[in-house]
Amino acid sequence: MRPLVILLLVVLLPHLAFSQDPQVTQNYALPLNMNPAFAGISNNVNVNVLHRNQWPNLTSNYQFSAMSIDIGLEKYKSGLGLLVTSDSQFSALTSTSVALQYAYHLSITENYTISMGMQGAYVNRSLSYENLIFGDQLANYLGSGSAATSSSDLLPSTPNFTNPSYLDLSVGSMLYSNKHWIGISAHHLNKPDHSLVSNSPSPLDMKFSLQMGTKIDLGNSYEGNDPENALNYEKSISPIIHIKKQGVFNQLDVGTYLTIAPLVIGAWYRNFPIGFSNPEKLDTQESMTGLIGFRKDKFAIGYSYDFTLSKLAPSGGAHEITLSYVFGFNLFPNKYDKSLRRSLACPKF
């Protein structure tokens, strides 16, 4: 997309543009981005890094990078998380977010735990003027014809842009065992104004998400008592469903992971959920995704590719790579209550 078109969208459509959060494929390689209730669930120190290169065939494509760290505080039945994200849209618009998370973990039965999390993020958006074309520049280039005049009318020579910074609040909860999980999250509770144009407010739509899945063991040759070492022998299949809603966007992700340690193979289908209204006549099919990952001891690496099924198919889909590492120590162990030492069934990619 040309910078001129970007500027037109920014100036002319501040009230009509729809907002959608950055989308990733390997959600469980960056779980804090999906739901703050994931913070500290494993009672270890986890570091996750993700990079997504979307629509690489376009001149100015979309880039998204993120890093997260979460720490389990078993003694206090809690977890802390730090999530830093940055995205670049069409080379001119960048957004950076730094989020702090807190989650409380409560064992409600012998097999199930509930985690309740909250998040506060500081977000900054900035627009680079270097590659933009303004009305007076276009008029000088085209001459004094009618096309130049109409373009100058459309694009002001001194646009009233701003680089907004704001506080963004989110919450989430998750019920889980070592076989099943179901979580819900709500982002942008305060609907912050993220408009790039002064005096033209554009509140960010709230995003609601449902995450659920189960793990089916296919046989395990490990006979020890260490759940972390057992991952090196895991053989399982994990069907997963995600449903997201943000403004007019509704999305259903259906997928499964096949784990034959140390390899993980995954496949996703992303489309418009049946039964949801579609007033904007958006594409009901978005993409198919293939994933391959390697997980050994405390390290994991994954790669996925999105095959675009919508009208954006010539854009080249999306590449995504993730790295994860688990530091196997508990900063604040609980010597008396072992009820929260329960492994989470969800995948690592």
Protein backbone atom coordinates (compact mmCIF):
# COMPACT_ATOMS: atom_id res chain seq x y z
CA MET A 1 0.00 0.00 0.00
CA ARG A 2 1.39 3.40 -1.01
CA PRO A 3 2.10 6.03 1.69
CA LEU A 4 -0.34 8.34 -0.12
CA VAL A 5 -3.16 5.85 0.40
CA ILE A 6 -2.19 5.46 4.06
CA LEU A 7 -2.40 9.21 4.56
CA LEU A 8 -5.79 9.32 2.89
CA LEU A 9 -7.07 6.66 5.25
CA VAL A 10 -5.67 8.44 8.29
CA VAL A 11 -7.06 11.86 7.34
CA LEU A 12 -10.37 11.00 5.72
CA LEU A 13 -11.55 8.01 7.74
CA PRO A 14 -10.84 8.71 11.43
CA HIS A 15 -14.42 7.93 12.35
CA LEU A 16 -14.98 5.03 9.95
CA ALA A 17 -11.80 3.00 10.32
CA PHE A 18 -12.13 -0.27 12.20
CA SER A 19 -9.52 -1.31 14.74
CA GLN A 20 -8.21 -4.82 15.18
CA ASP A 21 -5.46 -6.06 17.46
CA PRO A 22 -2.31 -7.66 16.07
CA GLN A 23 -2.91 -11.31 15.30
CA VAL A 24 -0.50 -14.17 15.96
CA THR A 25 -0.70 -17.83 15.06
CA GLN A 26 1.43 -19.42 17.79
CA ASN A 27 -0.70 -18.09 20.63
CA TYR A 28 0.65 -20.52 23.23
CA ALA A 29 4.22 -19.45 22.50
CA LEU A 30 3.16 -15.98 23.68
CA PRO A 31 0.34 -16.78 26.14
CA LEU A 32 0.51 -13.48 28.04
CA ASN A 33 -0.58 -11.73 24.85
CA MET A 34 -3.73 -13.86 24.77
CA ASN A 35 -4.80 -13.78 28.42
CA PRO A 36 -3.16 -12.21 31.51
CA ALA A 37 -4.37 -15.19 33.56
CA PHE A 38 -1.43 -17.15 32.11
CA ALA A 39 1.05 -15.13 34.20
CA GLY A 40 3.03 -17.41 36.50
CA ILE A 41 0.88 -20.52 35.99
CA SER A 42 3.88 -22.84 35.63
CA ASN A 43 5.53 -21.53 38.85
CA ASN A 44 8.78 -21.16 36.89
CA VAL A 45 10.44 -18.25 35.10
CA ASN A 46 9.45 -18.30 31.40
CA VAL A 47 10.89 -16.20 28.57
CA ASN A 48 9.11 -16.10 25.18
CA VAL A 49 10.06 -14.27 21.98
CA LEU A 50 7.93 -14.01 18.82
CA HIS A 51 8.33 -12.33 15.42
CA ARG A 52 5.66 -12.23 12.71
CA ASN A 53 6.21 -11.09 9.11
CA GLN A 54 2.81 -10.66 7.48
CA TRP A 55 2.08 -10.01 3.79
CA PRO A 56 5.75 -10.13 2.67
CA ASN A 57 4.84 -9.65 -1.01
CA LEU A 58 3.63 -6.12 -0.34
CA THR A 59 6.02 -3.18 -0.65
CA SER A 60 5.31 -2.12 2.93
CA ASN A 61 4.20 -5.16 4.86
CA TYR A 62 3.20 -5.71 8.47
CA GLN A 63 5.74 -6.66 11.15
CA PHE A 64 4.99 -7.65 14.74
CA SER A 65 7.53 -8.52 17.46
CA ALA A 66 7.00 -9.37 21.12
CA MET A 67 8.81 -10.60 24.21
CA SER A 68 7.31 -11.79 27.46
CA ILE A 69 8.63 -12.84 30.87
CA ASP A 70 6.47 -14.35 33.57
CA ILE A 71 7.38 -15.47 37.07
CA GLY A 72 5.49 -17.83 39.36
CA LEU A 73 5.11 -16.85 43.01
CA GLU A 74 3.90 -20.17 44.37
CA LYS A 75 4.18 -19.11 48.02
CA TYR A 76 1.73 -16.27 47.33
CA LYS A 77 -0.46 -18.24 44.88
CA SER A 78 0.32 -15.58 42.29
CA GLY A 79 2.21 -14.77 39.13
CA LEU A 80 3.76 -11.67 37.57
CA GLY A 81 4.16 -10.96 33.87
CA LEU A 82 5.86 -8.45 31.59
CA LEU A 83 4.79 -8.20 27.94
CA VAL A 84 6.52 -5.89 25.45
CA THR A 85 5.19 -5.65 21.88
CA SER A 86 6.00 -3.54 18.83
CA ASP A 87 4.39 -3.50 15.40
CA SER A 88 5.09 -1.63 12.19
CA GLN A 89 2.21 -1.04 9.79
CA PHE A 90 3.13 -0.19 6.20
CA SER A 91 6.53 1.26 7.33
CA ALA A 92 5.00 4.56 8.49
CA LEU A 93 2.90 3.72 11.55
CA THR A 94 4.41 2.03 14.62
CA SER A 95 2.88 1.03 17.94
CA THR A 96 4.76 0.04 21.10
CA SER A 97 3.21 -1.42 24.23
CA VAL A 98 4.68 -2.26 27.64
CA ALA A 99 2.30 -4.24 29.85
CA LEU A 100 2.51 -5.43 33.46
CA GLN A 101 0.36 -8.35 34.58
CA TYR A 102 -0.70 -9.95 37.84
CA ALA A 103 -2.57 -13.23 38.27
CA TYR A 104 -3.93 -15.01 41.33
CA HIS A 105 -4.12 -18.83 41.25
CA LEU A 106 -6.70 -20.64 43.36
CA SER A 107 -6.99 -24.43 43.62
CA ILE A 108 -10.74 -25.18 43.70
CA THR A 109 -10.68 -28.99 43.54
CA GLU A 110 -8.09 -31.73 43.64
CA ASN A 111 -7.73 -31.53 39.85
CA TYR A 112 -8.71 -28.00 38.85
CA THR A 113 -7.23 -24.55 39.40
CA ILE A 114 -8.62 -21.17 38.46
CA SER A 115 -6.36 -18.25 37.56
CA MET A 116 -7.62 -14.64 37.50
CA GLY A 117 -5.40 -12.03 35.86
CA MET A 118 -5.32 -8.32 35.12
CA GLN A 119 -3.13 -6.14 32.94
CA GLY A 120 -2.19 -2.51 32.66
CA ALA A 121 -0.32 -1.39 29.53
CA TYR A 122 1.30 1.85 28.42
CA VAL A 123 0.93 2.26 24.65
CA ASN A 124 2.51 4.75 22.26
CA ARG A 125 1.64 5.17 18.57
CA SER A 126 3.76 7.22 16.21
CA LEU A 127 3.55 8.18 12.55
CA SER A 128 6.68 8.74 10.47
CA TYR A 129 6.44 11.64 8.03
CA GLU A 130 9.53 10.76 5.95
CA ASN A 131 7.75 8.58 3.40
CA LEU A 132 4.44 10.45 3.28
CA ILE A 133 3.28 12.66 0.40
CA PHE A 134 1.30 15.78 1.29
CA GLY A 135 -1.09 17.82 -0.80
CA ASP A 136 1.24 20.66 -1.74
CA GLN A 137 3.96 18.19 -2.79
CA LEU A 138 1.50 16.32 -5.00
CA ALA A 139 0.27 19.53 -6.58
CA ASN A 140 3.83 20.59 -7.42
CA TYR A 141 4.51 17.21 -8.97
CA LEU A 142 1.33 17.03 -11.08
CA GLY A 143 1.18 20.67 -12.09
CA SER A 144 -1.83 22.93 -12.00
CA GLY A 145 -4.37 20.57 -13.51
CA SER A 146 -7.68 19.54 -11.99
CA ALA A 147 -6.19 16.30 -10.61
CA ALA A 148 -3.60 18.27 -8.65
CA THR A 149 -6.23 20.65 -7.33
CA SER A 150 -8.50 17.86 -6.12
CA SER A 151 -5.57 16.05 -4.49
CA SER A 152 -4.54 19.21 -2.65
CA ASP A 153 -8.07 19.56 -1.36
CA LEU A 154 -8.01 16.00 -0.09
CA LEU A 155 -4.59 16.15 1.57
CA PRO A 156 -3.76 19.12 3.79
CA SER A 157 -0.23 20.47 3.55
CA THR A 158 0.05 20.64 7.35
CA PRO A 159 -2.00 17.76 8.77
CA ASN A 160 -2.92 18.04 12.43
CA PHE A 161 -1.35 14.74 13.49
CA THR A 162 -0.49 13.60 17.00
CA ASN A 163 1.43 10.65 18.46
CA PRO A 164 -0.97 9.36 21.12
CA SER A 165 0.05 7.62 24.35
CA TYR A 166 -2.53 6.00 26.60
CA LEU A 167 -3.26 3.49 29.36
CA ASP A 168 -4.86 0.23 28.25
CA LEU A 169 -6.58 -2.11 30.76
CA SER A 170 -7.39 -5.83 30.33
CA VAL A 171 -8.55 -8.78 32.44
CA GLY A 172 -8.82 -12.53 32.03
CA SER A 173 -9.49 -15.81 33.81
CA MET A 174 -8.72 -19.46 33.17
CA LEU A 175 -9.92 -22.78 34.57
CA TYR A 176 -7.44 -25.58 33.95
CA SER A 177 -6.18 -29.04 34.89
CA ASN A 178 -3.41 -31.22 33.47
CA LYS A 179 -5.85 -32.35 30.72
CA HIS A 180 -8.24 -29.48 29.95
CA TRP A 181 -8.43 -25.69 29.96
CA ILE A 182 -10.92 -22.94 29.21
CA GLY A 183 -10.18 -19.23 29.43
CA ILE A 184 -11.85 -15.91 28.72
CA SER A 185 -10.25 -12.49 28.36
CA ALA A 186 -11.37 -8.91 27.72
CA HIS A 187 -8.92 -6.32 26.39
CA HIS A 188 -9.23 -2.52 26.12
CA LEU A 189 -11.76 -2.27 28.93
CA ASN A 190 -11.32 1.51 29.09
CA LYS A 191 -11.66 1.93 25.30
CA PRO A 192 -8.64 4.24 25.01
CA ASP A 193 -8.51 6.89 22.30
CA HIS A 194 -5.82 5.86 19.81
CA SER A 195 -6.55 8.40 17.09
CA LEU A 196 -3.62 9.89 15.17
CA VAL A 197 -5.62 13.01 14.29
CA SER A 198 -6.13 15.74 16.87
CA ASN A 199 -9.74 16.52 17.80
CA SER A 200 -10.95 13.36 16.05
CA PRO A 201 -11.37 10.76 18.81
CA SER A 202 -11.24 7.10 17.83
CA PRO A 203 -11.86 4.79 20.81
CA LEU A 204 -10.29 1.35 20.54
CA ASP A 205 -12.92 -1.38 20.41
CA MET A 206 -12.98 -3.87 23.28
CA LYS A 207 -11.80 -7.35 22.34
CA PHE A 208 -13.35 -10.49 23.85
CA SER A 209 -11.72 -13.88 23.50
CA LEU A 210 -12.54 -17.46 24.44
CA GLN A 211 -9.77 -20.08 24.54
CA MET A 212 -10.42 -23.77 25.15
CA GLY A 213 -8.84 -27.13 24.47
CA THR A 214 -7.93 -30.54 25.77
CA LYS A 215 -4.95 -32.88 25.63
CA ILE A 216 -5.43 -36.55 24.73
CA ASP A 217 -2.50 -38.80 25.63
CA LEU A 218 -1.43 -41.27 22.95
CA GLY A 219 0.92 -43.18 25.20
CA ASN A 220 3.82 -42.16 27.43
CA SER A 221 6.89 -44.27 28.15
CA TYR A 222 8.07 -42.04 31.00
CA GLU A 223 7.62 -43.59 34.44
CA GLY A 224 9.18 -40.91 36.66
CA ASN A 225 7.55 -38.25 38.82
CA ASP A 226 9.06 -35.13 37.25
CA PRO A 227 6.36 -33.45 35.07
CA GLU A 228 8.97 -31.32 33.25
CA ASN A 229 11.04 -34.34 32.23
CA ALA A 230 7.85 -36.11 31.16
CA LEU A 231 7.47 -33.54 28.35
CA ASN A 232 10.49 -35.11 26.63
CA TYR A 233 8.49 -38.35 26.23
CA GLU A 234 5.08 -36.87 25.46
CA LYS A 235 2.85 -38.36 22.78
CA SER A 236 -0.46 -36.51 22.55
CA ILE A 237 -2.99 -34.74 20.38
CA SER A 238 -4.56 -31.44 21.45
CA PRO A 239 -7.73 -30.13 19.72
CA ILE A 240 -8.19 -26.39 20.31
CA ILE A 241 -10.87 -23.75 19.65
CA HIS A 242 -10.55 -19.97 19.90
CA ILE A 243 -13.31 -17.41 19.36
CA LYS A 244 -12.56 -13.67 19.14
CA LYS A 245 -14.76 -10.61 18.81
CA GLN A 246 -13.61 -7.03 18.36
CA GLY A 247 -15.96 -4.45 16.89
CA VAL A 248 -17.28 -5.83 13.59
CA PHE A 249 -14.58 -8.51 13.49
CA ASN A 250 -15.59 -12.01 14.58
CA GLN A 251 -13.19 -14.90 14.22
CA LEU A 252 -13.11 -18.64 14.85
CA ASP A 253 -9.83 -20.56 15.04
CA VAL A 254 -10.01 -24.35 14.99
CA GLY A 255 -6.83 -26.38 15.21
CA THR A 256 -4.95 -29.31 16.61
CA TYR A 257 -1.42 -30.11 17.73
CA LEU A 258 0.19 -33.53 17.37
CA THR A 259 3.09 -33.99 19.77
CA ILE A 260 5.57 -36.84 19.39
CA ALA A 261 8.39 -35.48 21.51
CA PRO A 262 10.54 -33.68 20.70
CA LEU A 263 8.54 -32.72 17.56
CA VAL A 264 5.22 -30.87 17.44
CA ILE A 265 3.12 -30.53 14.28
CA GLY A 266 0.09 -28.25 14.15
CA ALA A 267 -2.64 -27.15 11.76
CA TRP A 268 -5.22 -24.34 12.07
CA TYR A 269 -8.20 -23.16 10.09
CA ARG A 270 -9.24 -19.54 10.61
CA ASN A 271 -12.63 -18.29 9.45
CA PHE A 272 -15.77 -16.34 10.37
CA PRO A 273 -17.75 -18.14 13.11
CA ILE A 274 -21.10 -19.60 12.10
CA GLY A 275 -24.04 -17.77 13.67
CA PHE A 276 -22.28 -14.40 14.05
CA SER A 277 -23.60 -11.38 12.16
CA ASN A 278 -21.48 -10.06 9.30
CA PRO A 279 -22.86 -6.57 8.49
CA GLU A 280 -19.65 -5.44 6.77
CA LYS A 281 -19.68 -8.49 4.43
CA LEU A 282 -16.16 -9.44 5.51
CA ASP A 283 -14.44 -12.51 4.05
CA THR A 284 -15.67 -15.58 5.90
CA GLN A 285 -12.42 -17.46 5.22
CA GLU A 286 -9.05 -16.06 6.21
CA SER A 287 -6.28 -18.67 6.29
CA MET A 288 -4.98 -22.17 6.81
CA THR A 289 -1.89 -22.52 8.98
CA GLY A 290 0.82 -25.15 9.19
CA LEU A 291 3.18 -25.31 12.16
CA ILE A 292 6.26 -27.30 13.14
CA GLY A 293 8.03 -27.05 16.47
CA PHE A 294 10.89 -28.62 18.39
CA ARG A 295 10.78 -28.87 22.20
CA LYS A 296 13.51 -30.38 24.33
CA ASP A 297 14.04 -29.96 28.07
CA LYS A 298 13.58 -26.24 28.77
CA PHE A 299 13.93 -24.95 25.18
CA ALA A 300 11.41 -24.68 22.35
CA ILE A 301 11.47 -23.24 18.84
CA GLY A 302 8.56 -23.05 16.42
CA TYR A 303 7.81 -21.92 12.88
CA SER A 304 4.42 -21.41 11.26
CA TYR A 305 3.12 -20.20 7.91
CA ASP A 306 -0.35 -18.81 7.19
CA PHE A 307 -1.75 -19.71 3.75
CA THR A 308 -4.12 -16.85 2.99
CA LEU A 309 -7.55 -17.91 1.68
CA SER A 310 -9.16 -14.47 1.45
CA LYS A 311 -8.82 -11.84 -1.30
CA LEU A 312 -5.41 -10.99 0.18
CA ALA A 313 -3.95 -14.28 -1.09
CA PRO A 314 -1.37 -12.55 -3.39
CA SER A 315 0.06 -10.76 -0.33
CA GLY A 316 2.18 -13.80 0.55
CA GLY A 317 0.59 -15.02 3.79
CA ALA A 318 2.49 -14.72 7.05
CA HIS A 319 5.67 -16.20 8.51
CA GLU A 320 6.06 -16.54 12.27
CA ILE A 321 8.93 -17.80 14.40
CA THR A 322 9.03 -18.24 18.19
CA LEU A 323 11.63 -19.06 20.83
CA SER A 324 10.90 -20.09 24.41
CA TYR A 325 13.01 -20.97 27.41
CA VAL A 326 12.03 -22.08 30.90
CA PHE A 327 14.32 -21.33 33.80
CA GLY A 328 13.63 -24.27 36.08
CA PHE A 329 13.63 -22.63 39.47
CA ASN A 330 10.88 -21.44 41.77
CA LEU A 331 11.60 -18.06 43.35
CA PHE A 332 9.03 -18.40 46.11
CA PRO A 333 8.19 -22.10 46.67
CA ASN A 334 5.39 -23.12 48.99
CA LYS A 335 6.80 -25.87 51.21
CA TYR A 336 3.45 -26.69 52.79
CA ASP A 337 0.84 -26.51 50.03
CA LYS A 338 1.63 -28.51 46.89
CA SER A 339 -1.87 -28.18 45.38
CA LEU A 340 -0.83 -25.57 42.78
CA ARG A 341 2.02 -27.66 41.35
CA ARG A 342 -0.14 -28.74 38.45
CA SER A 343 1.09 -28.76 34.87
CA LEU A 344 -0.98 -26.89 32.29
CA ALA A 345 -2.21 -29.04 29.41
CA CYS A 346 -2.02 -26.42 26.64
CA PRO A 347 0.69 -26.60 23.92
CA LYS A 348 3.86 -24.50 23.80
CA PHE A 349 3.31 -23.08 20.28
